[in-house]
PDB file of N, CA and C in Angstrom:
ATOM      1  N   UNK A   1     112.195 104.601 126.215  1.00  0.00           N
ATOM      2  CA  UNK A   1     112.147 103.758 125.039  1.00  0.00           C
ATOM      3  C   UNK A   1     111.054 102.718 125.250  1.00  0.00           C
ATOM      4  N   UNK A   2     110.199 102.557 124.249  1.00  0.00           N
ATOM      5  CA  UNK A   2     109.099 101.601 124.291  1.00  0.00           C
ATOM      6  C   UNK A   2     109.454 100.421 123.398  1.00  0.00           C
ATOM      7  N   UNK A   3     109.329  99.212 123.930  1.00  0.00           N
ATOM      8  CA  UNK A   3     109.589  98.022 123.122  1.00  0.00           C
ATOM      9  C   UNK A   3     108.311  97.214 122.990  1.00  0.00           C
ATOM     10  N   UNK A   4     108.084  96.722 121.800  1.00  0.00           N
ATOM     11  CA  UNK A   4     106.911  95.891 121.554  1.00  0.00           C
ATOM     12  C   UNK A   4     107.268  94.441 121.836  1.00  0.00           C
ATOM     13  N   UNK A   5     106.380  93.743 122.479  1.00  0.00           N
ATOM     14  CA  UNK A   5     106.616  92.350 122.809  1.00  0.00           C
ATOM     15  C   UNK A   5     105.478  91.509 122.245  1.00  0.00           C
ATOM     16  N   UNK A   6     105.829  90.491 121.468  1.00  0.00           N
ATOM     17  CA  UNK A   6     104.838  89.578 120.929  1.00  0.00           C
ATOM     18  C   UNK A   6     104.664  88.433 121.914  1.00  0.00           C
ATOM     19  N   UNK A   7     103.436  88.182 122.293  1.00  0.00           N
ATOM     20  CA  UNK A   7     103.165  87.126 123.250  1.00  0.00           C
ATOM     21  C   UNK A   7     102.882  85.824 122.507  1.00  0.00           C
ATOM     22  N   UNK A   8     103.653  84.792 122.841  1.00  0.00           N
ATOM     23  CA  UNK A   8     103.471  83.491 122.238  1.00  0.00           C
ATOM     24  C   UNK A   8     102.489  82.703 123.095  1.00  0.00           C
ATOM     25  N   UNK A   9     101.430  82.197 122.467  1.00  0.00           N
ATOM     26  CA  UNK A   9     100.425  81.454 123.220  1.00  0.00           C
ATOM     27  C   UNK A   9     100.984  80.130 123.734  1.00  0.00           C
ATOM     28  N   UNK A  10     101.677  79.410 122.884  1.00  0.00           N
ATOM     29  CA  UNK A  10     102.319  78.163 123.290  1.00  0.00           C
ATOM     30  C   UNK A  10     103.363  77.776 122.257  1.00  0.00           C
ATOM     31  N   UNK A  11     104.274  76.914 122.655  1.00  0.00           N
ATOM     32  CA  UNK A  11     105.312  76.440 121.749  1.00  0.00           C
ATOM     33  C   UNK A  11     104.822  75.181 121.038  1.00  0.00           C
ATOM     34  N   UNK A  12     105.231  74.986 119.779  1.00  0.00           N
ATOM     35  CA  UNK A  12     104.822  73.779 119.059  1.00  0.00           C
ATOM     36  C   UNK A  12     105.495  72.533 119.636  1.00  0.00           C
ATOM     37  N   UNK A  13     104.784  71.420 119.597  1.00  0.00           N
ATOM     38  CA  UNK A  13     105.326  70.152 120.060  1.00  0.00           C
ATOM     39  C   UNK A  13     106.151  69.512 118.950  1.00  0.00           C
ATOM     40  N   UNK A  14     106.942  68.526 119.330  1.00  0.00           N
ATOM     41  CA  UNK A  14     107.799  67.841 118.366  1.00  0.00           C
ATOM     42  C   UNK A  14     106.991  67.188 117.255  1.00  0.00           C
ATOM     43  N   UNK A  15     105.875  66.554 117.576  1.00  0.00           N
ATOM     44  CA  UNK A  15     105.072  65.907 116.539  1.00  0.00           C
ATOM     45  C   UNK A  15     104.511  66.917 115.539  1.00  0.00           C
ATOM     46  N   UNK A  16     104.250  68.130 115.994  1.00  0.00           N
ATOM     47  CA  UNK A  16     103.778  69.189 115.098  1.00  0.00           C
ATOM     48  C   UNK A  16     104.889  69.632 114.156  1.00  0.00           C
ATOM     49  N   UNK A  17     106.091  69.788 114.681  1.00  0.00           N
ATOM     50  CA  UNK A  17     107.243  70.174 113.860  1.00  0.00           C
ATOM     51  C   UNK A  17     107.518  69.099 112.812  1.00  0.00           C
ATOM     52  N   UNK A  18     107.493  67.838 113.224  1.00  0.00           N
ATOM     53  CA  UNK A  18     107.738  66.738 112.291  1.00  0.00           C
ATOM     54  C   UNK A  18     106.646  66.643 111.230  1.00  0.00           C
ATOM     55  N   UNK A  19     105.402  66.938 111.601  1.00  0.00           N
ATOM     56  CA  UNK A  19     104.296  66.912 110.647  1.00  0.00           C
ATOM     57  C   UNK A  19     104.507  67.961 109.551  1.00  0.00           C
ATOM     58  N   UNK A  20     104.908  69.169 109.932  1.00  0.00           N
ATOM     59  CA  UNK A  20     105.144  70.235 108.954  1.00  0.00           C
ATOM     60  C   UNK A  20     106.335  69.883 108.071  1.00  0.00           C
ATOM     61  N   UNK A  21     107.407  69.363 108.671  1.00  0.00           N
ATOM     62  CA  UNK A  21     108.592  68.986 107.906  1.00  0.00           C
ATOM     63  C   UNK A  21     108.254  67.884 106.895  1.00  0.00           C
ATOM     64  N   UNK A  22     107.467  66.903 107.299  1.00  0.00           N
ATOM     65  CA  UNK A  22     107.067  65.821 106.404  1.00  0.00           C
ATOM     66  C   UNK A  22     106.202  66.348 105.263  1.00  0.00           C
ATOM     67  N   UNK A  23     105.313  67.280 105.558  1.00  0.00           N
ATOM     68  CA  UNK A  23     104.454  67.868 104.517  1.00  0.00           C
ATOM     69  C   UNK A  23     105.287  68.627 103.487  1.00  0.00           C
ATOM     70  N   UNK A  24     106.342  69.288 103.930  1.00  0.00           N
ATOM     71  CA  UNK A  24     107.230  69.999 103.001  1.00  0.00           C
ATOM     72  C   UNK A  24     107.958  68.993 102.117  1.00  0.00           C
ATOM     73  N   UNK A  25     108.454  67.920 102.718  1.00  0.00           N
ATOM     74  CA  UNK A  25     109.178  66.892 101.957  1.00  0.00           C
ATOM     75  C   UNK A  25     108.298  66.198 100.927  1.00  0.00           C
ATOM     76  N   UNK A  26     107.041  65.934 101.281  1.00  0.00           N
ATOM     77  CA  UNK A  26     106.159  65.182 100.402  1.00  0.00           C
ATOM     78  C   UNK A  26     105.439  66.045  99.370  1.00  0.00           C
ATOM     79  N   UNK A  27     105.615  67.347  99.439  1.00  0.00           N
ATOM     80  CA  UNK A  27     104.966  68.227  98.463  1.00  0.00           C
ATOM     81  C   UNK A  27     105.558  67.981  97.073  1.00  0.00           C
ATOM     82  N   UNK A  28     104.703  67.980  96.073  1.00  0.00           N
ATOM     83  CA  UNK A  28     105.152  67.721  94.706  1.00  0.00           C
ATOM     84  C   UNK A  28     106.013  68.851  94.160  1.00  0.00           C
ATOM     85  N   UNK A  29     105.716  70.059  94.559  1.00  0.00           N
ATOM     86  CA  UNK A  29     106.519  71.219  94.183  1.00  0.00           C
ATOM     87  C   UNK A  29     106.700  72.065  95.431  1.00  0.00           C
ATOM     88  N   UNK A  30     107.532  73.066  95.342  1.00  0.00           N
ATOM     89  CA  UNK A  30     107.774  73.906  96.510  1.00  0.00           C
ATOM     90  C   UNK A  30     106.522  74.700  96.849  1.00  0.00           C
ATOM     91  N   UNK A  31     105.945  74.479  98.036  1.00  0.00           N
ATOM     92  CA  UNK A  31     104.691  75.154  98.389  1.00  0.00           C
ATOM     93  C   UNK A  31     104.910  76.564  98.935  1.00  0.00           C
ATOM     94  N   UNK A  32     103.873  77.370  98.866  1.00  0.00           N
ATOM     95  CA  UNK A  32     103.888  78.659  99.550  1.00  0.00           C
ATOM     96  C   UNK A  32     103.482  78.408 100.998  1.00  0.00           C
ATOM     97  N   UNK A  33     103.696  79.391 101.852  1.00  0.00           N
ATOM     98  CA  UNK A  33     103.330  79.230 103.263  1.00  0.00           C
ATOM     99  C   UNK A  33     101.847  78.918 103.427  1.00  0.00           C
ATOM    100  N   UNK A  34     100.997  79.702 102.787  1.00  0.00           N
ATOM    101  CA  UNK A  34      99.554  79.552 102.947  1.00  0.00           C
ATOM    102  C   UNK A  34      99.077  78.204 102.417  1.00  0.00           C
ATOM    103  N   UNK A  35      99.581  77.801 101.257  1.00  0.00           N
ATOM    104  CA  UNK A  35      99.153  76.533 100.664  1.00  0.00           C
ATOM    105  C   UNK A  35      99.573  75.353 101.540  1.00  0.00           C
ATOM    106  N   UNK A  36     100.778  75.412 102.078  1.00  0.00           N
ATOM    107  CA  UNK A  36     101.241  74.346 102.961  1.00  0.00           C
ATOM    108  C   UNK A  36     100.389  74.294 104.222  1.00  0.00           C
ATOM    109  N   UNK A  37     100.107  75.443 104.807  1.00  0.00           N
ATOM    110  CA  UNK A  37      99.317  75.510 106.038  1.00  0.00           C
ATOM    111  C   UNK A  37      97.928  74.899 105.831  1.00  0.00           C
ATOM    112  N   UNK A  38      97.320  75.182 104.670  1.00  0.00           N
ATOM    113  CA  UNK A  38      95.974  74.684 104.395  1.00  0.00           C
ATOM    114  C   UNK A  38      95.937  73.189 104.093  1.00  0.00           C
ATOM    115  N   UNK A  39      97.047  72.607 103.651  1.00  0.00           N
ATOM    116  CA  UNK A  39      97.025  71.183 103.283  1.00  0.00           C
ATOM    117  C   UNK A  39      97.598  70.279 104.380  1.00  0.00           C
ATOM    118  N   UNK A  40      97.873  70.810 105.554  1.00  0.00           N
ATOM    119  CA  UNK A  40      98.377  69.978 106.647  1.00  0.00           C
ATOM    120  C   UNK A  40      97.311  68.978 107.093  1.00  0.00           C
ATOM    121  N   UNK A  41      97.722  67.771 107.507  1.00  0.00           N
ATOM    122  CA  UNK A  41      96.742  66.771 107.943  1.00  0.00           C
ATOM    123  C   UNK A  41      95.967  67.167 109.195  1.00  0.00           C
ATOM    124  N   UNK A  42      96.605  67.933 110.079  1.00  0.00           N
ATOM    125  CA  UNK A  42      95.931  68.457 111.269  1.00  0.00           C
ATOM    126  C   UNK A  42      95.982  69.965 111.207  1.00  0.00           C
ATOM    127  N   UNK A  43      94.929  70.608 111.625  1.00  0.00           N
ATOM    128  CA  UNK A  43      94.894  72.067 111.616  1.00  0.00           C
ATOM    129  C   UNK A  43      95.622  72.621 112.830  1.00  0.00           C
ATOM    130  N   UNK A  44      96.207  73.779 112.658  1.00  0.00           N
ATOM    131  CA  UNK A  44      96.877  74.467 113.752  1.00  0.00           C
ATOM    132  C   UNK A  44      96.740  75.961 113.541  1.00  0.00           C
ATOM    133  N   UNK A  45      96.967  76.725 114.588  1.00  0.00           N
ATOM    134  CA  UNK A  45      96.921  78.174 114.475  1.00  0.00           C
ATOM    135  C   UNK A  45      98.059  78.641 113.573  1.00  0.00           C
ATOM    136  N   UNK A  46      97.797  79.705 112.814  1.00  0.00           N
ATOM    137  CA  UNK A  46      98.823  80.216 111.898  1.00  0.00           C
ATOM    138  C   UNK A  46     100.047  80.714 112.667  1.00  0.00           C
ATOM    139  N   UNK A  47      99.833  81.258 113.867  1.00  0.00           N
ATOM    140  CA  UNK A  47     100.953  81.716 114.689  1.00  0.00           C
ATOM    141  C   UNK A  47     101.885  80.540 115.030  1.00  0.00           C
ATOM    142  N   UNK A  48     101.312  79.410 115.365  1.00  0.00           N
ATOM    143  CA  UNK A  48     102.104  78.216 115.668  1.00  0.00           C
ATOM    144  C   UNK A  48     102.818  77.735 114.416  1.00  0.00           C
ATOM    145  N   UNK A  49     102.132  77.741 113.288  1.00  0.00           N
ATOM    146  CA  UNK A  49     102.719  77.332 112.010  1.00  0.00           C
ATOM    147  C   UNK A  49     103.928  78.197 111.659  1.00  0.00           C
ATOM    148  N   UNK A  50     103.786  79.506 111.810  1.00  0.00           N
ATOM    149  CA  UNK A  50     104.905  80.409 111.523  1.00  0.00           C
ATOM    150  C   UNK A  50     106.076  80.154 112.466  1.00  0.00           C
ATOM    151  N   UNK A  51     105.772  79.809 113.707  1.00  0.00           N
ATOM    152  CA  UNK A  51     106.813  79.496 114.692  1.00  0.00           C
ATOM    153  C   UNK A  51     107.586  78.241 114.273  1.00  0.00           C
ATOM    154  N   UNK A  52     106.875  77.242 113.743  1.00  0.00           N
ATOM    155  CA  UNK A  52     107.531  76.024 113.251  1.00  0.00           C
ATOM    156  C   UNK A  52     108.428  76.358 112.068  1.00  0.00           C
ATOM    157  N   UNK A  53     107.936  77.175 111.133  1.00  0.00           N
ATOM    158  CA  UNK A  53     108.755  77.565 109.982  1.00  0.00           C
ATOM    159  C   UNK A  53     109.998  78.339 110.421  1.00  0.00           C
ATOM    160  N   UNK A  54     109.846  79.217 111.407  1.00  0.00           N
ATOM    161  CA  UNK A  54     111.002  79.955 111.935  1.00  0.00           C
ATOM    162  C   UNK A  54     112.041  78.996 112.510  1.00  0.00           C
ATOM    163  N   UNK A  55     111.567  77.978 113.236  1.00  0.00           N
ATOM    164  CA  UNK A  55     112.480  76.990 113.817  1.00  0.00           C
ATOM    165  C   UNK A  55     113.192  76.201 112.715  1.00  0.00           C
ATOM    166  N   UNK A  56     112.435  75.724 111.713  1.00  0.00           N
ATOM    167  CA  UNK A  56     113.041  74.946 110.633  1.00  0.00           C
ATOM    168  C   UNK A  56     114.046  75.768 109.840  1.00  0.00           C
ATOM    169  N   UNK A  57     113.764  77.043 109.663  1.00  0.00           N
ATOM    170  CA  UNK A  57     114.704  77.913 108.949  1.00  0.00           C
ATOM    171  C   UNK A  57     115.955  78.149 109.791  1.00  0.00           C
ATOM    172  N   UNK A  58     115.801  78.389 111.085  1.00  0.00           N
ATOM    173  CA  UNK A  58     116.945  78.626 111.965  1.00  0.00           C
ATOM    174  C   UNK A  58     117.830  77.389 112.082  1.00  0.00           C
ATOM    175  N   UNK A  59     117.229  76.204 111.983  1.00  0.00           N
ATOM    176  CA  UNK A  59     118.016  74.972 112.083  1.00  0.00           C
ATOM    177  C   UNK A  59     118.609  74.555 110.738  1.00  0.00           C
ATOM    178  N   UNK A  60     118.343  75.314 109.688  1.00  0.00           N
ATOM    179  CA  UNK A  60     118.941  75.053 108.378  1.00  0.00           C
ATOM    180  C   UNK A  60     118.231  73.981 107.572  1.00  0.00           C
ATOM    181  N   UNK A  61     117.019  73.625 107.940  1.00  0.00           N
ATOM    182  CA  UNK A  61     116.303  72.577 107.216  1.00  0.00           C
ATOM    183  C   UNK A  61     115.481  73.115 106.059  1.00  0.00           C
ATOM    184  N   UNK A  62     115.086  74.380 106.122  1.00  0.00           N
ATOM    185  CA  UNK A  62     114.339  74.987 105.021  1.00  0.00           C
ATOM    186  C   UNK A  62     114.922  76.356 104.712  1.00  0.00           C
ATOM    187  N   UNK A  63     114.605  76.832 103.530  1.00  0.00           N
ATOM    188  CA  UNK A  63     114.940  78.180 103.112  1.00  0.00           C
ATOM    189  C   UNK A  63     113.764  78.699 102.304  1.00  0.00           C
ATOM    190  N   UNK A  64     113.812  79.952 101.962  1.00  0.00           N
ATOM    191  CA  UNK A  64     112.705  80.543 101.217  1.00  0.00           C
ATOM    192  C   UNK A  64     113.224  81.073  99.890  1.00  0.00           C
ATOM    193  N   UNK A  65     112.587  80.648  98.794  1.00  0.00           N
ATOM    194  CA  UNK A  65     112.877  81.112  97.451  1.00  0.00           C
ATOM    195  C   UNK A  65     111.711  81.998  97.042  1.00  0.00           C
ATOM    196  N   UNK A  66     111.882  83.298  97.198  1.00  0.00           N
ATOM    197  CA  UNK A  66     110.815  84.276  97.039  1.00  0.00           C
ATOM    198  C   UNK A  66     109.697  83.926  98.018  1.00  0.00           C
ATOM    199  N   UNK A  67     108.568  83.418  97.546  1.00  0.00           N
ATOM    200  CA  UNK A  67     107.459  83.096  98.444  1.00  0.00           C
ATOM    201  C   UNK A  67     107.345  81.602  98.721  1.00  0.00           C
ATOM    202  N   UNK A  68     108.164  80.797  98.104  1.00  0.00           N
ATOM    203  CA  UNK A  68     108.058  79.344  98.227  1.00  0.00           C
ATOM    204  C   UNK A  68     109.035  78.798  99.271  1.00  0.00           C
ATOM    205  N   UNK A  69     108.650  77.659  99.864  1.00  0.00           N
ATOM    206  CA  UNK A  69     109.462  77.005 100.880  1.00  0.00           C
ATOM    207  C   UNK A  69     110.294  75.920 100.205  1.00  0.00           C
ATOM    208  N   UNK A  70     111.615  75.947 100.418  1.00  0.00           N
ATOM    209  CA  UNK A  70     112.531  74.976  99.835  1.00  0.00           C
ATOM    210  C   UNK A  70     113.153  74.175 100.966  1.00  0.00           C
ATOM    211  N   UNK A  71     113.032  72.848 100.911  1.00  0.00           N
ATOM    212  CA  UNK A  71     113.640  71.987 101.926  1.00  0.00           C
ATOM    213  C   UNK A  71     115.111  71.822 101.601  1.00  0.00           C
ATOM    214  N   UNK A  72     115.978  72.165 102.541  1.00  0.00           N
ATOM    215  CA  UNK A  72     117.422  72.099 102.323  1.00  0.00           C
ATOM    216  C   UNK A  72     118.087  71.048 103.199  1.00  0.00           C
ATOM    217  N   UNK A  73     117.297  70.211 103.833  1.00  0.00           N
ATOM    218  CA  UNK A  73     117.819  69.182 104.735  1.00  0.00           C
ATOM    219  C   UNK A  73     118.546  68.081 103.985  1.00  0.00           C
ATOM    220  N   UNK A  74     118.700  66.964 104.629  1.00  0.00           N
ATOM    221  CA  UNK A  74     119.472  65.844 104.107  1.00  0.00           C
ATOM    222  C   UNK A  74     118.797  65.221 102.888  1.00  0.00           C
ATOM    223  N   UNK A  75     119.584  64.949 101.863  1.00  0.00           N
ATOM    224  CA  UNK A  75     119.200  64.253 100.626  1.00  0.00           C
ATOM    225  C   UNK A  75     117.837  64.669 100.063  1.00  0.00           C
ATOM    226  N   UNK A  76     117.818  65.829  99.462  1.00  0.00           N
ATOM    227  CA  UNK A  76     116.602  66.327  98.822  1.00  0.00           C
ATOM    228  C   UNK A  76     116.827  66.306  97.311  1.00  0.00           C
ATOM    229  N   UNK A  77     116.163  65.404  96.619  1.00  0.00           N
ATOM    230  CA  UNK A  77     116.368  65.249  95.177  1.00  0.00           C
ATOM    231  C   UNK A  77     115.892  66.474  94.399  1.00  0.00           C
ATOM    232  N   UNK A  78     114.813  67.127  94.876  1.00  0.00           N
ATOM    233  CA  UNK A  78     114.320  68.327  94.185  1.00  0.00           C
ATOM    234  C   UNK A  78     115.342  69.455  94.287  1.00  0.00           C
ATOM    235  N   UNK A  79     115.969  69.605  95.452  1.00  0.00           N
ATOM    236  CA  UNK A  79     116.974  70.648  95.629  1.00  0.00           C
ATOM    237  C   UNK A  79     118.206  70.354  94.771  1.00  0.00           C
ATOM    238  N   UNK A  80     118.614  69.085  94.709  1.00  0.00           N
ATOM    239  CA  UNK A  80     119.765  68.717  93.882  1.00  0.00           C
ATOM    240  C   UNK A  80     119.504  69.027  92.411  1.00  0.00           C
ATOM    241  N   UNK A  81     118.302  68.737  91.933  1.00  0.00           N
ATOM    242  CA  UNK A  81     117.947  69.038  90.543  1.00  0.00           C
ATOM    243  C   UNK A  81     117.943  70.542  90.298  1.00  0.00           C
ATOM    244  N   UNK A  82     117.451  71.317  91.272  1.00  0.00           N
ATOM    245  CA  UNK A  82     117.437  72.768  91.148  1.00  0.00           C
ATOM    246  C   UNK A  82     118.862  73.312  91.092  1.00  0.00           C
ATOM    247  N   UNK A  83     119.737  72.774  91.920  1.00  0.00           N
ATOM    248  CA  UNK A  83     121.127  73.233  91.933  1.00  0.00           C
ATOM    249  C   UNK A  83     121.841  72.907  90.620  1.00  0.00           C
ATOM    250  N   UNK A  84     121.565  71.727  90.052  1.00  0.00           N
ATOM    251  CA  UNK A  84     122.196  71.338  88.784  1.00  0.00           C
ATOM    252  C   UNK A  84     121.737  72.204  87.620  1.00  0.00           C
ATOM    253  N   UNK A  85     120.471  72.635  87.662  1.00  0.00           N
ATOM    254  CA  UNK A  85     119.931  73.409  86.542  1.00  0.00           C
ATOM    255  C   UNK A  85     120.174  74.919  86.693  1.00  0.00           C
ATOM    256  N   UNK A  86     120.694  75.355  87.820  1.00  0.00           N
ATOM    257  CA  UNK A  86     120.890  76.782  88.040  1.00  0.00           C
ATOM    258  C   UNK A  86     122.195  77.273  87.413  1.00  0.00           C
ATOM    259  N   UNK A  87     122.275  78.572  87.197  1.00  0.00           N
ATOM    260  CA  UNK A  87     123.479  79.188  86.646  1.00  0.00           C
ATOM    261  C   UNK A  87     124.477  79.465  87.751  1.00  0.00           C
ATOM    262  N   UNK A  88     125.720  79.185  87.490  1.00  0.00           N
ATOM    263  CA  UNK A  88     126.763  79.468  88.464  1.00  0.00           C
ATOM    264  C   UNK A  88     127.291  80.875  88.223  1.00  0.00           C
ATOM    265  N   UNK A  89     127.414  81.647  89.294  1.00  0.00           N
ATOM    266  CA  UNK A  89     127.878  83.026  89.159  1.00  0.00           C
ATOM    267  C   UNK A  89     129.272  83.148  89.714  1.00  0.00           C
TER     268      UNK A  89
END
């Protein structure tokens, strides 16, 4: 059996994770992955960026609505408005 292994160049630092989380919070609307990556204040490798998004999703701080990133962390007014306007099934 052959298994493929993805080699991680390095792990993101805490300040990098916080920078991405802050950019998601301050976005006027829910950004796509590519748009968020391009508007970050500091540039980073896309592999590192995806690793940060994976961490934020695993910790329950973000979710994905089709292609857009939705912040689900503490007190998000945009998420509350979305929940109020959605249909209950």
